[in-house]
N, C-alpha and C. Protein backbone atom coordinates (compact mmCIF):
# COMPACT_ATOMS: atom_id res chain seq x y z
N UNK A 1 0.85 -1.20 0.00
CA UNK A 1 0.00 0.00 0.00
C UNK A 1 0.88 1.24 0.00
N UNK A 2 0.65 2.17 -0.92
CA UNK A 2 1.48 3.36 -1.02
C UNK A 2 1.13 4.35 0.07
N UNK A 3 2.14 5.19 0.41
CA UNK A 3 1.93 6.19 1.45
C UNK A 3 0.97 7.27 0.95
N UNK A 4 0.19 7.83 1.87
CA UNK A 4 -0.69 8.95 1.54
C UNK A 4 0.16 10.19 1.37
N UNK A 5 -0.03 10.91 0.28
CA UNK A 5 0.80 12.09 0.04
C UNK A 5 0.55 13.15 1.09
N UNK A 6 1.61 13.77 1.54
CA UNK A 6 1.52 14.84 2.51
C UNK A 6 0.69 15.98 1.94
N UNK A 7 -0.08 16.64 2.79
CA UNK A 7 -0.82 17.82 2.34
C UNK A 7 0.13 19.02 2.32
N UNK A 8 0.14 19.72 1.22
CA UNK A 8 1.06 20.84 1.03
C UNK A 8 0.25 22.13 1.15
N UNK A 9 0.56 22.91 2.17
CA UNK A 9 -0.22 24.11 2.47
C UNK A 9 0.69 25.33 2.40
N UNK A 10 0.36 26.26 1.54
CA UNK A 10 1.13 27.50 1.42
C UNK A 10 0.81 28.43 2.57
N UNK A 11 1.83 29.08 3.10
CA UNK A 11 1.66 30.11 4.12
C UNK A 11 2.12 31.42 3.50
N UNK A 12 1.17 32.25 3.13
CA UNK A 12 1.49 33.49 2.44
C UNK A 12 1.17 34.71 3.29
N UNK A 13 1.57 35.85 2.76
CA UNK A 13 1.35 37.12 3.46
C UNK A 13 2.46 38.09 3.10
N UNK A 14 2.27 39.34 3.40
CA UNK A 14 3.27 40.33 3.10
C UNK A 14 4.51 40.17 3.96
N UNK A 15 5.56 40.90 3.59
CA UNK A 15 6.80 40.86 4.37
C UNK A 15 6.52 41.31 5.80
N UNK A 16 7.11 40.60 6.76
CA UNK A 16 6.98 40.90 8.19
C UNK A 16 5.57 40.64 8.72
N UNK A 17 4.82 39.78 8.05
CA UNK A 17 3.48 39.43 8.54
C UNK A 17 3.54 38.39 9.65
N UNK A 18 4.67 37.73 9.80
CA UNK A 18 4.80 36.71 10.83
C UNK A 18 4.77 35.29 10.30
N UNK A 19 5.03 35.11 9.01
CA UNK A 19 4.95 33.78 8.39
C UNK A 19 5.97 32.81 8.98
N UNK A 20 7.22 33.27 9.10
CA UNK A 20 8.28 32.37 9.59
C UNK A 20 8.01 31.93 11.02
N UNK A 21 7.61 32.88 11.87
CA UNK A 21 7.30 32.54 13.26
C UNK A 21 6.16 31.54 13.32
N UNK A 22 5.16 31.74 12.48
CA UNK A 22 4.01 30.83 12.47
C UNK A 22 4.43 29.42 12.08
N UNK A 23 5.21 29.29 11.01
CA UNK A 23 5.63 27.96 10.55
C UNK A 23 6.46 27.26 11.62
N UNK A 24 7.40 27.99 12.22
CA UNK A 24 8.24 27.40 13.27
C UNK A 24 7.39 26.93 14.45
N UNK A 25 6.39 27.73 14.83
CA UNK A 25 5.53 27.36 15.95
C UNK A 25 4.71 26.12 15.64
N UNK A 26 4.15 26.05 14.44
CA UNK A 26 3.32 24.91 14.06
C UNK A 26 4.14 23.62 13.95
N UNK A 27 5.39 23.74 13.54
CA UNK A 27 6.24 22.56 13.44
C UNK A 27 6.54 21.96 14.82
N UNK A 28 6.49 22.80 15.85
CA UNK A 28 6.76 22.33 17.22
C UNK A 28 5.49 21.94 17.96
N UNK A 29 4.35 22.09 17.32
CA UNK A 29 3.06 21.88 17.99
C UNK A 29 2.70 20.40 18.03
N UNK A 30 3.04 19.74 19.14
CA UNK A 30 2.75 18.33 19.27
C UNK A 30 1.27 18.02 19.29
N UNK A 31 0.48 18.93 19.84
CA UNK A 31 -0.96 18.72 19.88
C UNK A 31 -1.55 18.69 18.48
N UNK A 32 -1.08 19.60 17.62
CA UNK A 32 -1.55 19.62 16.24
C UNK A 32 -1.15 18.34 15.52
N UNK A 33 0.09 17.91 15.71
CA UNK A 33 0.56 16.68 15.05
C UNK A 33 -0.29 15.49 15.46
N UNK A 34 -0.62 15.41 16.74
CA UNK A 34 -1.47 14.31 17.22
C UNK A 34 -2.88 14.42 16.64
N UNK A 35 -3.35 15.62 16.54
CA UNK A 35 -4.72 15.84 16.05
C UNK A 35 -4.87 15.46 14.57
N UNK A 36 -3.85 15.74 13.77
CA UNK A 36 -3.97 15.49 12.33
C UNK A 36 -3.35 14.15 11.93
N UNK A 37 -2.74 13.47 12.88
CA UNK A 37 -2.23 12.13 12.60
C UNK A 37 -0.85 12.09 11.98
N UNK A 38 -0.04 13.07 12.26
CA UNK A 38 1.32 13.07 11.72
C UNK A 38 1.99 14.42 11.94
N UNK A 39 3.30 14.45 11.80
CA UNK A 39 4.03 15.67 12.10
C UNK A 39 3.89 16.72 10.99
N UNK A 40 4.22 17.94 11.36
CA UNK A 40 4.19 19.08 10.43
C UNK A 40 5.63 19.44 10.07
N UNK A 41 5.92 19.52 8.79
CA UNK A 41 7.23 19.95 8.31
C UNK A 41 7.07 21.31 7.64
N UNK A 42 8.18 22.01 7.44
CA UNK A 42 8.12 23.34 6.84
C UNK A 42 9.23 23.60 5.86
N UNK A 43 8.98 24.51 4.95
CA UNK A 43 9.97 24.95 3.98
C UNK A 43 9.82 26.45 3.77
N UNK A 44 10.92 27.17 3.85
CA UNK A 44 10.91 28.60 3.54
C UNK A 44 11.47 28.80 2.15
N UNK A 45 10.65 29.32 1.24
CA UNK A 45 11.12 29.58 -0.11
C UNK A 45 12.24 30.60 -0.11
N UNK A 46 12.12 31.62 0.73
CA UNK A 46 13.13 32.67 0.78
C UNK A 46 14.47 32.12 1.27
N UNK A 47 14.42 31.28 2.29
CA UNK A 47 15.66 30.68 2.82
C UNK A 47 16.32 29.80 1.76
N UNK A 48 15.51 29.05 1.03
CA UNK A 48 16.08 28.20 -0.01
C UNK A 48 16.73 29.03 -1.11
N UNK A 49 16.08 30.13 -1.49
CA UNK A 49 16.66 31.00 -2.52
C UNK A 49 17.99 31.58 -2.06
N UNK A 50 18.08 31.96 -0.79
CA UNK A 50 19.35 32.48 -0.27
C UNK A 50 20.46 31.44 -0.39
N UNK A 51 20.13 30.19 -0.06
CA UNK A 51 21.12 29.13 -0.16
C UNK A 51 21.52 28.88 -1.61
N UNK A 52 20.52 28.82 -2.49
CA UNK A 52 20.80 28.54 -3.90
C UNK A 52 21.59 29.66 -4.56
N UNK A 53 21.30 30.91 -4.16
CA UNK A 53 21.97 32.06 -4.78
C UNK A 53 23.44 32.15 -4.39
N UNK A 54 23.81 31.48 -3.33
CA UNK A 54 25.22 31.48 -2.91
C UNK A 54 26.03 30.43 -3.64
N UNK A 55 25.37 29.62 -4.46
CA UNK A 55 26.04 28.52 -5.16
C UNK A 55 25.84 28.66 -6.66
N UNK A 56 26.64 27.89 -7.40
CA UNK A 56 26.46 27.84 -8.85
C UNK A 56 25.38 26.81 -9.19
N UNK A 57 24.65 27.02 -10.28
CA UNK A 57 24.85 28.06 -11.29
C UNK A 57 24.06 29.35 -11.04
N UNK A 58 23.21 29.37 -9.99
CA UNK A 58 22.35 30.54 -9.81
C UNK A 58 23.16 31.79 -9.50
N UNK A 59 24.24 31.66 -8.73
CA UNK A 59 25.03 32.84 -8.37
C UNK A 59 25.51 33.56 -9.63
N UNK A 60 26.05 32.83 -10.59
CA UNK A 60 26.57 33.45 -11.81
C UNK A 60 25.45 34.06 -12.66
N UNK A 61 24.30 33.42 -12.66
CA UNK A 61 23.18 33.94 -13.45
C UNK A 61 22.68 35.26 -12.85
N UNK A 62 22.64 35.32 -11.52
CA UNK A 62 22.22 36.56 -10.86
C UNK A 62 23.27 37.65 -11.08
N UNK A 63 24.54 37.28 -10.98
CA UNK A 63 25.62 38.24 -11.20
C UNK A 63 25.57 38.82 -12.60
N UNK A 64 25.21 38.00 -13.58
CA UNK A 64 25.11 38.49 -14.95
C UNK A 64 23.96 39.48 -15.11
N UNK A 65 22.87 39.26 -14.36
CA UNK A 65 21.73 40.17 -14.41
C UNK A 65 22.05 41.51 -13.76
N UNK A 66 22.77 41.46 -12.64
CA UNK A 66 23.04 42.68 -11.89
C UNK A 66 24.47 42.63 -11.33
N UNK A 67 25.47 42.95 -12.16
CA UNK A 67 26.87 42.86 -11.74
C UNK A 67 27.21 43.72 -10.52
N UNK A 68 26.47 44.80 -10.29
CA UNK A 68 26.77 45.69 -9.17
C UNK A 68 26.56 45.01 -7.82
N UNK A 69 25.88 43.86 -7.81
CA UNK A 69 25.65 43.15 -6.55
C UNK A 69 26.78 42.19 -6.19
N UNK A 70 27.79 42.10 -7.06
CA UNK A 70 28.89 41.17 -6.81
C UNK A 70 29.99 41.86 -6.00
N UNK A 71 30.33 41.27 -4.87
CA UNK A 71 31.40 41.80 -4.03
C UNK A 71 32.77 41.45 -4.62
N UNK A 72 33.80 42.03 -4.06
CA UNK A 72 35.17 41.79 -4.53
C UNK A 72 35.55 40.32 -4.44
N UNK A 73 35.01 39.60 -3.45
CA UNK A 73 35.35 38.19 -3.29
C UNK A 73 34.48 37.27 -4.14
N UNK A 74 33.59 37.85 -4.95
CA UNK A 74 32.74 37.07 -5.84
C UNK A 74 31.39 36.71 -5.26
N UNK A 75 31.18 36.94 -3.99
CA UNK A 75 29.88 36.64 -3.37
C UNK A 75 28.88 37.74 -3.72
N UNK A 76 27.60 37.43 -3.49
CA UNK A 76 26.54 38.39 -3.81
C UNK A 76 26.20 39.23 -2.58
N UNK A 77 26.07 40.51 -2.78
CA UNK A 77 25.58 41.42 -1.74
C UNK A 77 24.06 41.40 -1.84
N UNK A 78 23.41 40.57 -1.04
CA UNK A 78 21.97 40.36 -1.17
C UNK A 78 21.18 41.60 -0.78
N UNK A 79 21.71 42.39 0.14
CA UNK A 79 21.02 43.63 0.52
C UNK A 79 20.97 44.58 -0.67
N UNK A 80 22.10 44.74 -1.33
CA UNK A 80 22.15 45.63 -2.49
C UNK A 80 21.29 45.09 -3.63
N UNK A 81 21.33 43.78 -3.82
CA UNK A 81 20.52 43.16 -4.86
C UNK A 81 19.03 43.36 -4.58
N UNK A 82 18.63 43.16 -3.33
CA UNK A 82 17.23 43.31 -2.98
C UNK A 82 16.75 44.75 -3.20
N UNK A 83 17.57 45.70 -2.80
CA UNK A 83 17.19 47.10 -3.00
C UNK A 83 17.00 47.41 -4.48
N UNK A 84 17.90 46.91 -5.31
CA UNK A 84 17.79 47.16 -6.75
C UNK A 84 16.55 46.47 -7.32
N UNK A 85 16.28 45.24 -6.86
CA UNK A 85 15.15 44.49 -7.40
C UNK A 85 13.82 45.12 -7.01
N UNK A 86 13.70 45.55 -5.76
CA UNK A 86 12.45 46.15 -5.32
C UNK A 86 12.21 47.52 -5.93
N UNK A 87 13.29 48.16 -6.37
CA UNK A 87 13.15 49.47 -7.01
C UNK A 87 12.99 49.37 -8.52
N UNK A 88 13.26 48.20 -9.08
CA UNK A 88 13.24 48.01 -10.54
C UNK A 88 12.40 46.80 -10.88
N UNK A 89 11.14 46.97 -11.24
CA UNK A 89 10.26 45.83 -11.50
C UNK A 89 10.80 44.85 -12.54
N UNK A 90 11.46 45.36 -13.58
CA UNK A 90 11.97 44.46 -14.62
C UNK A 90 13.03 43.52 -14.06
N UNK A 91 13.91 44.04 -13.20
CA UNK A 91 14.94 43.21 -12.59
C UNK A 91 14.30 42.19 -11.66
N UNK A 92 13.31 42.60 -10.89
CA UNK A 92 12.63 41.67 -9.99
C UNK A 92 11.99 40.53 -10.78
N UNK A 93 11.36 40.85 -11.89
CA UNK A 93 10.74 39.82 -12.74
C UNK A 93 11.78 38.85 -13.27
N UNK A 94 12.93 39.36 -13.69
CA UNK A 94 13.99 38.51 -14.21
C UNK A 94 14.55 37.59 -13.12
N UNK A 95 14.71 38.12 -11.94
CA UNK A 95 15.21 37.31 -10.82
C UNK A 95 14.21 36.21 -10.46
N UNK A 96 12.94 36.56 -10.43
CA UNK A 96 11.93 35.56 -10.10
C UNK A 96 11.89 34.45 -11.14
N UNK A 97 12.11 34.81 -12.40
CA UNK A 97 12.12 33.80 -13.47
C UNK A 97 13.27 32.82 -13.28
N UNK A 98 14.36 33.27 -12.70
CA UNK A 98 15.49 32.38 -12.41
C UNK A 98 15.23 31.53 -11.16
N UNK A 99 14.64 32.15 -10.16
CA UNK A 99 14.59 31.54 -8.84
C UNK A 99 13.41 30.59 -8.64
N UNK A 100 12.21 30.98 -9.08
CA UNK A 100 11.03 30.20 -8.72
C UNK A 100 11.00 28.80 -9.29
N UNK A 101 11.49 28.55 -10.51
CA UNK A 101 11.54 27.15 -10.97
C UNK A 101 12.43 26.28 -10.08
N UNK A 102 13.51 26.86 -9.55
CA UNK A 102 14.38 26.11 -8.64
C UNK A 102 13.67 25.81 -7.33
N UNK A 103 12.90 26.78 -6.83
CA UNK A 103 12.14 26.56 -5.60
C UNK A 103 11.11 25.46 -5.81
N UNK A 104 10.45 25.47 -6.96
CA UNK A 104 9.45 24.44 -7.25
C UNK A 104 10.09 23.06 -7.33
N UNK A 105 11.26 22.98 -7.93
CA UNK A 105 11.97 21.70 -8.01
C UNK A 105 12.34 21.20 -6.62
N UNK A 106 12.81 22.11 -5.77
CA UNK A 106 13.13 21.73 -4.39
C UNK A 106 11.88 21.28 -3.65
N UNK A 107 10.77 21.97 -3.87
CA UNK A 107 9.53 21.60 -3.19
C UNK A 107 9.07 20.21 -3.61
N UNK A 108 9.20 19.88 -4.88
CA UNK A 108 8.82 18.53 -5.32
C UNK A 108 9.62 17.47 -4.56
N UNK A 109 10.92 17.74 -4.39
CA UNK A 109 11.74 16.79 -3.66
C UNK A 109 11.32 16.68 -2.20
N UNK A 110 10.96 17.80 -1.60
CA UNK A 110 10.55 17.77 -0.20
C UNK A 110 9.19 17.10 -0.02
N UNK A 111 8.31 17.27 -1.00
CA UNK A 111 7.02 16.57 -0.94
C UNK A 111 7.26 15.06 -0.95
N UNK A 112 8.12 14.62 -1.85
CA UNK A 112 8.40 13.19 -1.94
C UNK A 112 9.02 12.67 -0.65
N UNK A 113 9.97 13.42 -0.09
CA UNK A 113 10.64 12.99 1.14
C UNK A 113 9.69 12.99 2.32
N UNK A 114 8.84 14.03 2.40
CA UNK A 114 7.89 14.10 3.51
C UNK A 114 6.86 12.98 3.43
N UNK A 115 6.42 12.67 2.22
CA UNK A 115 5.47 11.57 2.02
C UNK A 115 6.10 10.25 2.45
N UNK A 116 7.33 10.02 2.03
CA UNK A 116 8.01 8.77 2.35
C UNK A 116 8.24 8.61 3.85
N UNK A 117 8.43 9.73 4.54
CA UNK A 117 8.73 9.68 5.98
C UNK A 117 7.47 9.67 6.84
N UNK A 118 6.30 9.82 6.20
CA UNK A 118 5.05 9.76 6.94
C UNK A 118 4.56 11.07 7.52
N UNK A 119 5.14 12.19 7.09
CA UNK A 119 4.66 13.49 7.56
C UNK A 119 3.23 13.72 7.06
N UNK A 120 2.47 14.49 7.79
CA UNK A 120 1.07 14.74 7.42
C UNK A 120 0.90 16.03 6.66
N UNK A 121 1.69 17.06 7.03
CA UNK A 121 1.56 18.38 6.41
C UNK A 121 2.94 18.95 6.12
N UNK A 122 3.07 19.59 4.97
CA UNK A 122 4.26 20.34 4.62
C UNK A 122 3.83 21.79 4.39
N UNK A 123 4.29 22.69 5.26
CA UNK A 123 3.97 24.10 5.14
C UNK A 123 5.03 24.79 4.28
N UNK A 124 4.59 25.58 3.31
CA UNK A 124 5.51 26.26 2.40
C UNK A 124 5.32 27.76 2.57
N UNK A 125 6.31 28.39 3.17
CA UNK A 125 6.26 29.83 3.42
C UNK A 125 6.84 30.57 2.21
N UNK A 126 6.04 31.44 1.60
CA UNK A 126 6.50 32.18 0.42
C UNK A 126 5.61 33.38 0.17
N UNK A 127 6.17 34.37 -0.51
CA UNK A 127 5.39 35.53 -0.96
C UNK A 127 4.62 35.16 -2.23
N UNK A 128 5.34 34.60 -3.20
CA UNK A 128 4.73 34.30 -4.51
C UNK A 128 4.18 32.88 -4.52
N UNK A 129 2.99 32.70 -4.02
CA UNK A 129 2.35 31.39 -4.03
C UNK A 129 1.46 31.21 -5.25
N UNK A 130 0.70 32.23 -5.57
CA UNK A 130 -0.25 32.16 -6.68
C UNK A 130 0.38 32.76 -7.93
N UNK A 131 0.28 32.03 -9.04
CA UNK A 131 0.86 32.50 -10.29
C UNK A 131 2.32 32.13 -10.45
N UNK A 132 2.87 31.43 -9.46
CA UNK A 132 4.26 30.97 -9.55
C UNK A 132 4.25 29.47 -9.80
N UNK A 133 5.42 28.87 -10.09
CA UNK A 133 5.46 27.41 -10.27
C UNK A 133 5.12 26.62 -9.01
N UNK A 134 4.99 27.31 -7.87
CA UNK A 134 4.61 26.61 -6.65
C UNK A 134 3.12 26.28 -6.62
N UNK A 135 2.31 27.09 -7.27
CA UNK A 135 0.86 26.97 -7.13
C UNK A 135 0.33 25.58 -7.44
N UNK A 136 0.77 24.92 -8.55
CA UNK A 136 0.21 23.60 -8.84
C UNK A 136 0.56 22.53 -7.80
N UNK A 137 1.54 22.82 -6.94
CA UNK A 137 1.98 21.85 -5.95
C UNK A 137 1.24 21.98 -4.62
N UNK A 138 0.40 23.01 -4.50
CA UNK A 138 -0.25 23.30 -3.23
C UNK A 138 -1.66 22.72 -3.17
N UNK A 139 -2.03 22.22 -1.99
CA UNK A 139 -3.40 21.76 -1.76
C UNK A 139 -4.28 22.90 -1.27
N UNK A 140 -3.68 23.86 -0.57
CA UNK A 140 -4.44 24.98 0.00
C UNK A 140 -3.47 26.08 0.38
N UNK A 141 -4.01 27.26 0.65
CA UNK A 141 -3.19 28.39 1.08
C UNK A 141 -3.80 29.06 2.30
N UNK A 142 -2.94 29.47 3.21
CA UNK A 142 -3.34 30.30 4.34
C UNK A 142 -2.71 31.67 4.15
N UNK A 143 -3.48 32.71 4.37
CA UNK A 143 -2.97 34.08 4.29
C UNK A 143 -2.87 34.64 5.69
N UNK A 144 -1.65 34.96 6.11
CA UNK A 144 -1.44 35.65 7.39
C UNK A 144 -1.69 37.13 7.12
N UNK A 145 -2.85 37.60 7.55
CA UNK A 145 -3.32 38.93 7.18
C UNK A 145 -2.95 39.96 8.24
N UNK A 146 -2.21 40.96 7.82
CA UNK A 146 -1.78 42.03 8.72
C UNK A 146 -1.71 43.32 7.92
N UNK A 147 -2.31 44.41 8.40
CA UNK A 147 -2.27 45.67 7.67
C UNK A 147 -0.84 46.10 7.35
N UNK A 148 -0.69 46.77 6.21
CA UNK A 148 0.65 47.14 5.76
C UNK A 148 1.37 48.03 6.76
N UNK A 149 0.65 48.92 7.45
CA UNK A 149 1.32 49.81 8.40
C UNK A 149 1.93 49.03 9.57
N UNK A 150 1.25 47.96 9.98
CA UNK A 150 1.80 47.13 11.06
C UNK A 150 3.00 46.32 10.57
N UNK A 151 2.93 45.84 9.34
CA UNK A 151 4.05 45.09 8.79
C UNK A 151 5.28 45.99 8.61
N UNK A 152 5.05 47.22 8.17
CA UNK A 152 6.15 48.16 8.00
C UNK A 152 6.80 48.47 9.34
N UNK A 153 5.98 48.64 10.38
CA UNK A 153 6.51 48.92 11.71
C UNK A 153 7.36 47.75 12.20
N UNK A 154 6.90 46.53 11.93
CA UNK A 154 7.68 45.36 12.33
C UNK A 154 9.01 45.31 11.57
N UNK A 155 8.97 45.59 10.28
CA UNK A 155 10.19 45.54 9.47
C UNK A 155 11.21 46.55 9.97
N UNK A 156 10.75 47.74 10.29
CA UNK A 156 11.65 48.78 10.80
C UNK A 156 12.21 48.36 12.16
N UNK A 157 11.38 47.75 13.00
CA UNK A 157 11.84 47.29 14.32
C UNK A 157 12.91 46.22 14.19
N UNK A 158 12.88 45.48 13.08
CA UNK A 158 13.88 44.44 12.85
C UNK A 158 15.17 44.99 12.25
N UNK A 159 15.18 46.29 11.94
CA UNK A 159 16.40 46.89 11.43
C UNK A 159 16.35 47.41 10.01
N UNK A 160 15.25 47.19 9.29
CA UNK A 160 15.13 47.71 7.93
C UNK A 160 14.84 49.21 7.97
N UNK A 161 15.29 49.92 6.94
CA UNK A 161 14.93 51.32 6.85
C UNK A 161 13.49 51.42 6.36
N UNK A 162 12.81 52.49 6.73
CA UNK A 162 11.43 52.65 6.29
C UNK A 162 11.36 52.70 4.77
N UNK A 163 12.32 53.36 4.14
CA UNK A 163 12.35 53.45 2.67
C UNK A 163 12.42 52.06 2.04
N UNK A 164 13.34 51.22 2.54
CA UNK A 164 13.49 49.87 1.98
C UNK A 164 12.23 49.04 2.23
N UNK A 165 11.65 49.18 3.42
CA UNK A 165 10.46 48.41 3.75
C UNK A 165 9.29 48.80 2.85
N UNK A 166 9.14 50.09 2.59
CA UNK A 166 8.05 50.55 1.73
C UNK A 166 8.24 50.06 0.30
N UNK A 167 9.48 50.12 -0.19
CA UNK A 167 9.75 49.66 -1.57
C UNK A 167 9.49 48.16 -1.70
N UNK A 168 9.92 47.40 -0.71
CA UNK A 168 9.69 45.96 -0.76
C UNK A 168 8.20 45.66 -0.72
N UNK A 169 7.47 46.36 0.12
CA UNK A 169 6.04 46.13 0.24
C UNK A 169 5.34 46.42 -1.09
N UNK A 170 5.74 47.51 -1.73
CA UNK A 170 5.13 47.88 -3.01
C UNK A 170 5.46 46.85 -4.09
N UNK A 171 6.72 46.38 -4.09
CA UNK A 171 7.14 45.43 -5.12
C UNK A 171 6.42 44.10 -4.99
N UNK A 172 6.02 43.75 -3.77
CA UNK A 172 5.38 42.45 -3.54
C UNK A 172 3.85 42.55 -3.50
N UNK A 173 3.33 43.74 -3.75
CA UNK A 173 1.88 43.94 -3.66
C UNK A 173 1.11 43.07 -4.65
N UNK A 174 1.68 42.86 -5.83
CA UNK A 174 1.01 42.05 -6.84
C UNK A 174 0.84 40.61 -6.36
N UNK A 175 1.88 40.06 -5.73
CA UNK A 175 1.80 38.69 -5.23
C UNK A 175 0.75 38.58 -4.12
N UNK A 176 0.69 39.58 -3.26
CA UNK A 176 -0.28 39.56 -2.17
C UNK A 176 -1.70 39.69 -2.72
N UNK A 177 -1.88 40.54 -3.73
CA UNK A 177 -3.20 40.69 -4.34
C UNK A 177 -3.66 39.40 -5.00
N UNK A 178 -2.73 38.70 -5.65
CA UNK A 178 -3.08 37.43 -6.30
C UNK A 178 -3.50 36.40 -5.27
N UNK A 179 -2.82 36.39 -4.12
CA UNK A 179 -3.17 35.45 -3.07
C UNK A 179 -4.56 35.77 -2.50
N UNK A 180 -4.84 37.05 -2.29
CA UNK A 180 -6.16 37.43 -1.79
C UNK A 180 -7.26 37.01 -2.76
N UNK A 181 -7.00 37.20 -4.06
CA UNK A 181 -7.99 36.87 -5.07
C UNK A 181 -8.25 35.37 -5.16
N UNK A 182 -7.29 34.58 -4.70
CA UNK A 182 -7.44 33.13 -4.75
C UNK A 182 -8.28 32.58 -3.61
N UNK A 183 -8.81 33.46 -2.76
CA UNK A 183 -9.67 33.08 -1.64
C UNK A 183 -9.01 32.08 -0.70
N UNK A 184 -7.87 32.45 -0.14
CA UNK A 184 -7.21 31.56 0.82
C UNK A 184 -7.95 31.58 2.16
N UNK A 185 -7.52 30.71 3.06
CA UNK A 185 -8.02 30.77 4.44
C UNK A 185 -7.30 31.94 5.12
N UNK A 186 -8.06 32.88 5.66
CA UNK A 186 -7.47 34.06 6.27
C UNK A 186 -7.18 33.81 7.76
N UNK A 187 -5.97 34.19 8.15
CA UNK A 187 -5.55 34.11 9.55
C UNK A 187 -5.19 35.52 10.00
N UNK A 188 -5.84 36.01 11.03
CA UNK A 188 -5.56 37.34 11.54
C UNK A 188 -4.18 37.34 12.20
N UNK A 189 -3.26 38.11 11.62
CA UNK A 189 -1.90 38.12 12.12
C UNK A 189 -1.62 39.17 13.18
N UNK A 190 -2.66 39.86 13.65
CA UNK A 190 -2.44 40.98 14.57
C UNK A 190 -2.36 40.56 16.03
N UNK A 191 -2.69 39.32 16.32
CA UNK A 191 -2.64 38.86 17.71
C UNK A 191 -1.26 38.40 18.12
N UNK A 192 -1.17 37.80 19.29
CA UNK A 192 0.09 37.25 19.77
C UNK A 192 0.47 36.06 18.90
N UNK A 193 1.77 35.69 18.85
CA UNK A 193 2.17 34.51 18.09
C UNK A 193 1.38 33.26 18.47
N UNK A 194 1.09 33.10 19.76
CA UNK A 194 0.32 31.93 20.20
C UNK A 194 -1.10 31.96 19.65
N UNK A 195 -1.71 33.15 19.65
CA UNK A 195 -3.08 33.29 19.14
C UNK A 195 -3.12 33.01 17.64
N UNK A 196 -2.15 33.56 16.90
CA UNK A 196 -2.10 33.35 15.45
C UNK A 196 -1.89 31.86 15.15
N UNK A 197 -0.98 31.22 15.89
CA UNK A 197 -0.71 29.80 15.67
C UNK A 197 -1.93 28.95 15.97
N UNK A 198 -2.68 29.30 17.01
CA UNK A 198 -3.88 28.53 17.36
C UNK A 198 -4.91 28.60 16.24
N UNK A 199 -5.09 29.79 15.67
CA UNK A 199 -6.05 29.94 14.57
C UNK A 199 -5.59 29.16 13.35
N UNK A 200 -4.29 29.21 13.06
CA UNK A 200 -3.76 28.47 11.91
C UNK A 200 -3.88 26.97 12.13
N UNK A 201 -3.65 26.52 13.35
CA UNK A 201 -3.75 25.09 13.65
C UNK A 201 -5.18 24.60 13.42
N UNK A 202 -6.16 25.41 13.80
CA UNK A 202 -7.56 25.04 13.56
C UNK A 202 -7.82 24.90 12.07
N UNK A 203 -7.30 25.85 11.29
CA UNK A 203 -7.51 25.81 9.84
C UNK A 203 -6.84 24.59 9.22
N UNK A 204 -5.63 24.29 9.67
CA UNK A 204 -4.90 23.14 9.12
C UNK A 204 -5.62 21.84 9.48
N UNK A 205 -6.08 21.73 10.71
CA UNK A 205 -6.82 20.54 11.12
C UNK A 205 -8.07 20.35 10.26
N UNK A 206 -8.75 21.45 9.96
CA UNK A 206 -9.94 21.37 9.12
C UNK A 206 -9.59 20.92 7.70
N UNK A 207 -8.49 21.45 7.17
CA UNK A 207 -8.07 21.06 5.82
C UNK A 207 -7.69 19.59 5.78
N UNK A 208 -7.05 19.10 6.83
CA UNK A 208 -6.62 17.70 6.86
C UNK A 208 -7.80 16.75 7.03
N UNK A 209 -8.91 17.25 7.54
CA UNK A 209 -10.08 16.39 7.75
C UNK A 209 -10.93 16.26 6.50
N UNK A 210 -10.63 17.07 5.50
CA UNK A 210 -11.42 17.02 4.27
C UNK A 210 -11.13 15.72 3.52
N UNK A 211 -12.16 15.16 2.93
CA UNK A 211 -12.00 13.91 2.18
C UNK A 211 -11.34 14.18 0.84
N UNK A 212 -10.70 13.17 0.33
CA UNK A 212 -10.14 13.25 -1.02
C UNK A 212 -8.68 13.61 -1.01
N UNK A 213 -7.94 13.08 -1.95
CA UNK A 213 -6.52 13.36 -2.11
C UNK A 213 -6.27 13.82 -3.54
N UNK A 214 -5.49 14.85 -3.68
CA UNK A 214 -5.09 15.28 -5.02
C UNK A 214 -4.07 14.34 -5.60
N UNK A 215 -4.01 14.30 -6.91
CA UNK A 215 -2.97 13.50 -7.56
C UNK A 215 -1.61 14.06 -7.19
N UNK A 216 -0.62 13.18 -7.09
CA UNK A 216 0.73 13.59 -6.71
C UNK A 216 1.37 14.35 -7.86
N UNK A 217 1.69 15.65 -7.71
CA UNK A 217 2.25 16.44 -8.81
C UNK A 217 3.72 16.17 -9.03
N UNK A 218 4.36 15.36 -8.17
CA UNK A 218 5.79 15.12 -8.30
C UNK A 218 6.10 13.95 -9.23
N UNK A 219 5.06 13.26 -9.69
CA UNK A 219 5.29 12.10 -10.54
C UNK A 219 4.73 12.33 -11.93
């Protein structure tokens, strides 16, 4: 008898909405794992892109797109690259075209590994969930909803300049709008981390209780 494929749930929201904290909390939630019949695993698309961009061949492809981001030692200055990308829509589009297919390939591998290991849910934290190569791999999406002014305040508190935070928010507005239009499950991100995690856990438990399995997109 083949293993039941893990449910793949996107965790979306604007920058500084609390996505990473939510995923980390849910992965440690033993009560949720018991309730849904298996552990929760997570993947950060942004973290994977950072790792991939530090290696070949992606590093060289990014360097060719924006040589000014290359340091003297050959490494990429990701802060400088991000500022340029968020200020230049064409550059951001080109970078996404390089990066998102790699993220989707990595996600396929993680789906297969999570299924083989008996995990019940794989949470995928990303900005670009809808309209990207990740979308066909998802069973459902949760939107961590937080007003932009609160997200900007959080970003600044973490050390970002207000200018950079505003530019990043504007550059990612299209991805957030696409996610909203896709009618995801909304999670109010304005409460405490524990409150947000509890609401998300309820939503995930409900999704896992639904009958039916999608065809495995990794095969």
